[in-house]
Protein backbone atom coordinates (compact mmCIF):
# COMPACT_ATOMS: atom_id res chain seq x y z
CA UNK A 1 -0.06 -0.08 -0.06
CA UNK A 2 3.07 2.30 0.10
CA UNK A 3 2.14 3.49 -3.38
CA UNK A 4 -1.23 4.70 -2.44
CA UNK A 5 -1.65 8.38 -3.26
CA UNK A 6 -3.04 11.04 -1.02
CA UNK A 7 -6.81 10.96 -1.20
CA UNK A 8 -9.82 13.06 -0.26
CA UNK A 9 -11.98 11.49 2.50
CA UNK A 10 -15.01 9.59 1.42
CA UNK A 11 -17.43 11.76 3.61
CA UNK A 12 -16.25 15.00 2.03
CA UNK A 13 -19.42 16.92 1.13
CA UNK A 14 -21.78 14.16 2.43
CA UNK A 15 -23.46 16.41 4.89
CA UNK A 16 -23.06 19.92 6.36
CA UNK A 17 -22.69 21.13 9.89
CA UNK A 18 -26.02 20.92 11.72
CA UNK A 19 -25.13 23.39 14.39
CA UNK A 20 -23.21 21.37 16.88
CA UNK A 21 -20.20 23.54 16.38
CA UNK A 22 -17.68 24.89 13.72
CA UNK A 23 -16.87 22.29 11.01
CA UNK A 24 -13.61 20.42 11.92
CA UNK A 25 -11.67 19.45 8.76
CA UNK A 26 -9.42 16.44 9.47
CA UNK A 27 -6.44 14.71 7.66
CA UNK A 28 -5.89 11.06 8.57
CA UNK A 29 -2.25 9.93 8.37
CA UNK A 30 -1.79 6.30 9.40
CA UNK A 31 0.06 3.36 7.98
CA UNK A 32 -2.90 1.05 8.27
CA UNK A 33 -5.84 1.38 5.78
CA UNK A 34 -8.15 -0.49 8.08
CA UNK A 35 -7.54 2.04 10.88
CA UNK A 36 -8.15 4.93 8.57
CA UNK A 37 -11.36 3.32 7.41
CA UNK A 38 -12.49 2.82 10.95
CA UNK A 39 -11.88 6.42 11.77
CA UNK A 40 -13.81 7.54 8.66
CA UNK A 41 -16.84 5.52 9.77
CA UNK A 42 -16.60 7.04 13.27
CA UNK A 43 -16.41 10.62 12.00
CA UNK A 44 -19.07 10.11 9.41
CA UNK A 45 -21.52 9.90 12.24
CA UNK A 46 -20.60 13.36 13.41
CA UNK A 47 -22.03 16.37 11.74
CA UNK A 48 -19.26 18.72 12.66
CA UNK A 49 -16.27 16.53 11.63
CA UNK A 50 -15.22 15.94 7.98
CA UNK A 51 -12.21 13.98 6.73
CA UNK A 52 -10.78 16.03 3.79
CA UNK A 53 -7.58 14.03 3.19
CA UNK A 54 -5.64 10.82 3.97
CA UNK A 55 -2.03 9.75 3.82
CA UNK A 56 -0.17 6.49 4.63
CA UNK A 57 3.48 7.64 4.45
CA UNK A 58 5.42 10.56 5.83
CA UNK A 59 6.00 12.18 2.39
CA UNK A 60 2.29 11.86 1.67
CA UNK A 61 1.45 13.51 4.97
CA UNK A 62 3.88 16.36 4.29
CA UNK A 63 2.19 16.87 0.89
CA UNK A 64 -1.31 16.60 2.38
CA UNK A 65 -0.86 19.35 4.92
CA UNK A 66 -0.06 21.77 2.27
CA UNK A 67 -2.62 20.53 -0.34
CA UNK A 68 -5.60 20.30 1.84
CA UNK A 69 -7.15 23.05 4.07
CA UNK A 70 -7.50 21.17 7.43
CA UNK A 71 -7.90 22.05 11.08
CA UNK A 72 -6.52 18.83 12.65
CA UNK A 73 -3.98 16.25 11.53
CA UNK A 74 -4.33 12.73 13.14
CA UNK A 75 -0.73 11.49 12.76
CA UNK A 76 0.44 7.98 13.64
CA UNK A 77 3.87 8.16 15.36
CA UNK A 78 5.05 5.09 13.50
CA UNK A 79 4.95 7.08 10.20
CA UNK A 80 8.34 8.61 11.05
CA UNK A 81 11.50 7.17 12.40
CA UNK A 82 11.71 10.32 14.56
CA UNK A 83 8.01 11.43 15.17
CA UNK A 84 9.16 14.42 17.29
CA UNK A 85 11.19 15.94 14.40
CA UNK A 86 8.32 15.01 12.04
CA UNK A 87 5.80 17.06 14.13
CA UNK A 88 8.24 20.01 14.11
CA UNK A 89 8.54 19.91 10.41
CA UNK A 90 4.80 19.48 9.79
CA UNK A 91 4.09 22.49 12.04
CA UNK A 92 6.73 24.48 10.16
CA UNK A 93 4.81 23.62 6.83
CA UNK A 94 1.45 24.36 8.26
CA UNK A 95 1.65 26.56 11.46
CA UNK A 96 -2.12 26.83 11.74
CA UNK A 97 -2.55 23.02 11.86
CA UNK A 98 -3.22 21.20 15.13
CA UNK A 99 -1.62 17.79 15.43
CA UNK A 100 -2.96 14.83 17.44
CA UNK A 101 -0.36 12.07 17.54
CA UNK A 102 -1.45 8.50 17.87
CA UNK A 103 1.14 6.29 19.71
CA UNK A 104 1.18 2.50 19.95
CA UNK A 105 1.50 2.67 23.79
CA UNK A 106 1.93 5.24 26.45
CA UNK A 107 5.52 6.51 26.56
CA UNK A 108 6.67 9.11 29.00
CA UNK A 109 9.64 10.49 27.09
CA UNK A 110 7.94 10.49 23.80
CA UNK A 111 4.87 12.26 25.20
CA UNK A 112 7.01 14.94 26.89
CA UNK A 113 9.11 15.52 23.64
CA UNK A 114 6.00 15.61 21.42
CA UNK A 115 4.20 18.09 23.74
CA UNK A 116 7.18 20.38 23.89
CA UNK A 117 7.53 20.35 20.10
CA UNK A 118 3.94 21.54 19.71
CA UNK A 119 1.81 18.44 19.44
CA UNK A 120 -1.71 19.46 20.54
CA UNK A 121 -2.98 16.05 21.48
CA UNK A 122 -1.37 12.63 22.24
CA UNK A 123 -3.36 9.46 22.60
CA UNK A 124 -2.86 5.74 22.36
CA UNK A 125 -4.05 3.58 19.45
CA UNK A 126 -6.62 1.86 21.76
CA UNK A 127 -8.55 5.01 22.53
CA UNK A 128 -12.36 4.66 22.57
CA UNK A 129 -14.24 6.24 19.62
CA UNK A 130 -16.08 8.65 21.92
CA UNK A 131 -12.97 9.91 23.48
CA UNK A 132 -11.29 10.39 20.07
CA UNK A 133 -14.26 12.44 18.89
CA UNK A 134 -14.05 14.47 22.12
CA UNK A 135 -10.30 14.88 21.66
CA UNK A 136 -10.81 16.25 18.02
CA UNK A 137 -13.40 18.86 19.34
CA UNK A 138 -11.14 19.95 22.21
CA UNK A 139 -8.04 20.28 20.14
CA UNK A 140 -9.89 22.05 17.27
CA UNK A 141 -11.05 24.57 19.93
CA UNK A 142 -7.61 25.32 20.96
CA UNK A 143 -7.30 23.05 24.07
CA UNK A 144 -4.60 20.39 24.58
CA UNK A 145 -5.58 16.81 24.88
CA UNK A 146 -3.60 14.32 27.08
CA UNK A 147 -4.65 11.05 28.70
CA UNK A 148 -4.58 10.83 32.44
CA UNK A 149 -1.18 9.22 32.71
CA UNK A 150 0.33 11.78 30.29
CA UNK A 151 -1.13 14.68 32.29
CA UNK A 152 0.70 13.37 35.32
CA UNK A 153 3.98 13.12 33.37
CA UNK A 154 3.64 16.71 32.09
CA UNK A 155 2.67 18.18 35.40
CA UNK A 156 5.71 16.44 37.07
CA UNK A 157 7.98 17.82 34.34
CA UNK A 158 6.61 21.30 34.78
CA UNK A 159 7.15 21.24 38.50
CA UNK A 160 10.92 20.64 37.67
CA UNK A 161 10.68 23.66 35.29
CA UNK A 162 11.48 21.59 32.36
CA UNK A 163 9.63 19.35 29.87
CA UNK A 164 12.12 16.59 30.46
CA UNK A 165 12.15 14.68 33.84
CA UNK A 166 15.26 14.87 35.86
CA UNK A 167 17.93 12.48 34.95
CA UNK A 168 16.05 11.46 31.77
CA UNK A 169 18.20 13.43 29.38
CA UNK A 170 20.26 11.27 27.06
CA UNK A 171 24.06 11.51 27.16
CA UNK A 172 25.08 13.26 23.98
CA UNK A 173 28.36 14.15 22.40
CA UNK A 174 28.92 17.66 21.12
CA UNK A 175 31.23 18.30 18.21
CA UNK A 176 34.27 20.48 18.83
CA UNK A 177 32.60 23.46 17.12
CA UNK A 178 29.39 22.96 19.01
CA UNK A 179 31.38 22.89 22.29
CA UNK A 180 33.15 26.18 21.45
CA UNK A 181 29.90 27.89 20.70
CA UNK A 182 28.21 26.56 23.83
CA UNK A 183 31.12 27.63 25.94
CA UNK A 184 30.56 31.08 24.62
CA UNK A 185 26.81 30.98 25.42
CA UNK A 186 27.60 29.96 29.09
CA UNK A 187 29.72 33.19 29.22
CA UNK A 188 26.70 35.30 28.30
CA UNK A 189 27.93 36.12 24.80
CA UNK A 190 25.54 37.19 21.94
CA UNK A 191 25.47 35.45 18.60
CA UNK A 192 27.36 38.32 16.89
CA UNK A 193 30.27 38.09 19.31
CA UNK A 194 30.24 34.29 19.15
CA UNK A 195 30.42 34.48 15.39
CA UNK A 196 33.43 36.81 15.52
CA UNK A 197 35.25 34.49 17.99
CA UNK A 198 34.80 31.30 16.15
CA UNK A 199 35.22 32.84 12.75
CA UNK A 200 31.82 32.34 11.18
CA UNK A 201 28.58 34.10 10.69
CA UNK A 202 25.60 34.75 13.08
CA UNK A 203 23.32 32.62 10.97
CA UNK A 204 25.73 29.71 11.24
CA UNK A 205 25.83 30.22 15.05
CA UNK A 206 22.01 30.13 15.05
CA UNK A 207 21.99 26.91 13.05
CA UNK A 208 24.46 25.22 15.46
CA UNK A 209 22.46 26.30 18.48
CA UNK A 210 19.30 24.84 17.04
CA UNK A 211 21.11 21.52 16.66
CA UNK A 212 22.44 21.73 20.17
CA UNK A 213 18.98 22.49 21.52
CA UNK A 214 17.74 19.38 19.80
CA UNK A 215 20.59 17.25 21.09
CA UNK A 216 20.24 18.28 24.70
CA UNK A 217 16.52 18.72 24.85
CA UNK A 218 16.51 22.36 25.83
CA UNK A 219 14.27 25.17 24.67
CA UNK A 220 16.46 28.34 24.82
CA UNK A 221 19.79 29.83 25.80
CA UNK A 222 19.06 29.98 29.46
CA UNK A 223 18.11 26.27 29.71
CA UNK A 224 21.13 25.51 27.64
CA UNK A 225 23.53 27.40 29.95
CA UNK A 226 21.99 25.88 33.09
CA UNK A 227 22.15 22.40 31.73
CA UNK A 228 25.69 22.66 30.61
CA UNK A 229 26.80 24.15 33.81
CA UNK A 230 25.01 21.60 35.96
CA UNK A 231 26.18 18.64 33.76
CA UNK A 232 29.74 20.00 33.41
CA UNK A 233 29.34 19.84 29.53
CA UNK A 234 31.96 22.60 28.91
CA UNK A 235 34.27 22.19 31.93
CA UNK A 236 37.75 23.21 31.03
CA UNK A 237 36.67 24.59 27.64
CA UNK A 238 37.73 28.28 27.22
CA UNK A 239 35.92 30.47 24.71
CA UNK A 240 38.20 31.36 21.74
CA UNK A 241 39.78 34.84 22.05
CA UNK A 242 38.64 37.81 19.91
CA UNK A 243 40.68 37.81 16.75
CA UNK A 244 43.31 40.63 16.49
CA UNK A 245 41.99 41.59 13.02
CA UNK A 246 38.18 41.47 12.32
CA UNK A 247 36.86 41.12 8.79
CA UNK A 248 34.78 44.19 7.83
CA UNK A 249 31.47 43.19 6.22
CA UNK A 250 31.10 44.59 2.75
CA UNK A 251 28.04 46.75 3.64
CA UNK A 252 29.54 48.31 6.82
CA UNK A 253 30.17 51.90 7.57
CA UNK A 254 33.85 51.27 7.52
CA UNK A 255 33.70 50.13 3.84
CA UNK A 256 31.51 53.05 2.91
CA UNK A 257 34.13 55.29 4.35
CA UNK A 258 36.45 54.45 1.34
CA UNK A 259 34.05 56.59 -0.65
CA UNK A 260 34.97 59.77 1.29
CA UNK A 261 34.76 63.07 -0.43
CA UNK A 262 37.85 64.54 -2.17
CA UNK A 263 38.14 67.16 0.62
CA UNK A 264 38.82 64.48 3.33
CA UNK A 265 42.28 64.68 4.85
CA UNK A 266 44.75 61.94 4.04
CA UNK A 267 45.01 61.11 7.73
CA UNK A 268 41.22 60.32 7.92
CA UNK A 269 41.33 58.28 4.76
CA UNK A 270 44.26 56.12 5.98
CA UNK A 271 42.38 55.32 9.21
CA UNK A 272 39.97 53.00 7.33
CA UNK A 273 41.76 49.61 7.47
CA UNK A 274 41.48 47.17 4.63
CA UNK A 275 39.94 43.78 5.21
CA UNK A 276 42.31 41.34 6.78
CA UNK A 277 40.94 38.43 4.56
CA UNK A 278 43.21 37.96 1.56
CA UNK A 279 40.33 36.63 -0.54
CA UNK A 280 38.17 39.70 0.16
CA UNK A 281 37.89 42.21 -2.85
CA UNK A 282 40.00 45.35 -2.53
CA UNK A 283 38.09 48.53 -3.40
CA UNK A 284 40.50 50.93 -5.25
CA UNK A 285 40.30 54.55 -3.98
CA UNK A 286 38.19 56.93 -5.97
CA UNK A 287 40.16 59.22 -8.30
CA UNK A 288 40.32 62.88 -7.38
CA UNK A 289 38.45 65.23 -9.48
CA UNK A 290 40.80 67.63 -11.36
C-alpha cells in the first residue's frame, strides 16, 4: 500500500454542519488502511467532523498538509523514524494545523518531547471512539488533549521547570565546534560576538544552536547554559579569544568610508583599515576630480 496516493476523504461533502459547532476538517495519516477506514466511519456519524484528506506515508502526509485545508491532523507516530522531528517539520509547513499524535502505547519520554515540540494532543491507539471524537473537538477549539497518565507526566515535568524529567536526558556528544559555541553561550555572549570569536557568521551560529537544543532537549539559551553548567558539559573549555583583526562586512560603515569626499584629509582616509581576509575584494580609492 506504500504507493497509495493522497486521497480526499469519502465523507467529504456528504453532509453539512447541523449546528453542533464549527466544522472540523481532518487529515488522517496512518500506515494501516483498516484504521483509517474505521476512523472515517466514526467521523461520518458526526455532523461537525469531515475527513478532507488521507495519507499513509510521511512524504504523503507532508504533501497533504499543504494540499488540503485542514484544522486537525491525526498523525500516527510510526509514520516517521523520529516522530518528534516530524511534528516539528509538519508544524513548520502548516503553522495553523493542530496535530494529534497516535502512539502504539503510552511512553513518557515521547509524550514529553512531542508536547514540547507543539503536538496538541497525544493518545494511544486503543482510545475509545467517543474519547477520540471528544479529543478532536477539544483540540480544534484550542485546548490540549492528554490522557490521564500523560497529564501526570507533564505536570511532574513542569514542576521541575522543564519538559524533560530529571535524569532522563540522554547522554550526547557535542562536536568541537558545538562545544566552542556552547562555551561562549555559558559566558553570556551574543550570537554576533560568538560568530567573531569562532570565525563564522551569526546565521551559522544560530544553526549550530538549534542543533544543540535538539541534542540536549533544551528550549532556549538559558536552559542550555543551566544544563551545561550543571552537567559539566563545557568544563575546561575556554571560549576562543577575539581575533586581532576582524573582517569588515562589505556593507559596513567602514567600507562606505572608502568613498569619502575629495576634501577629506589623508589622515582620515588612512584610518580606514583594509579587510584582513586576503580573499576579500579590495576596493580601489576613488580618483580625485581635477
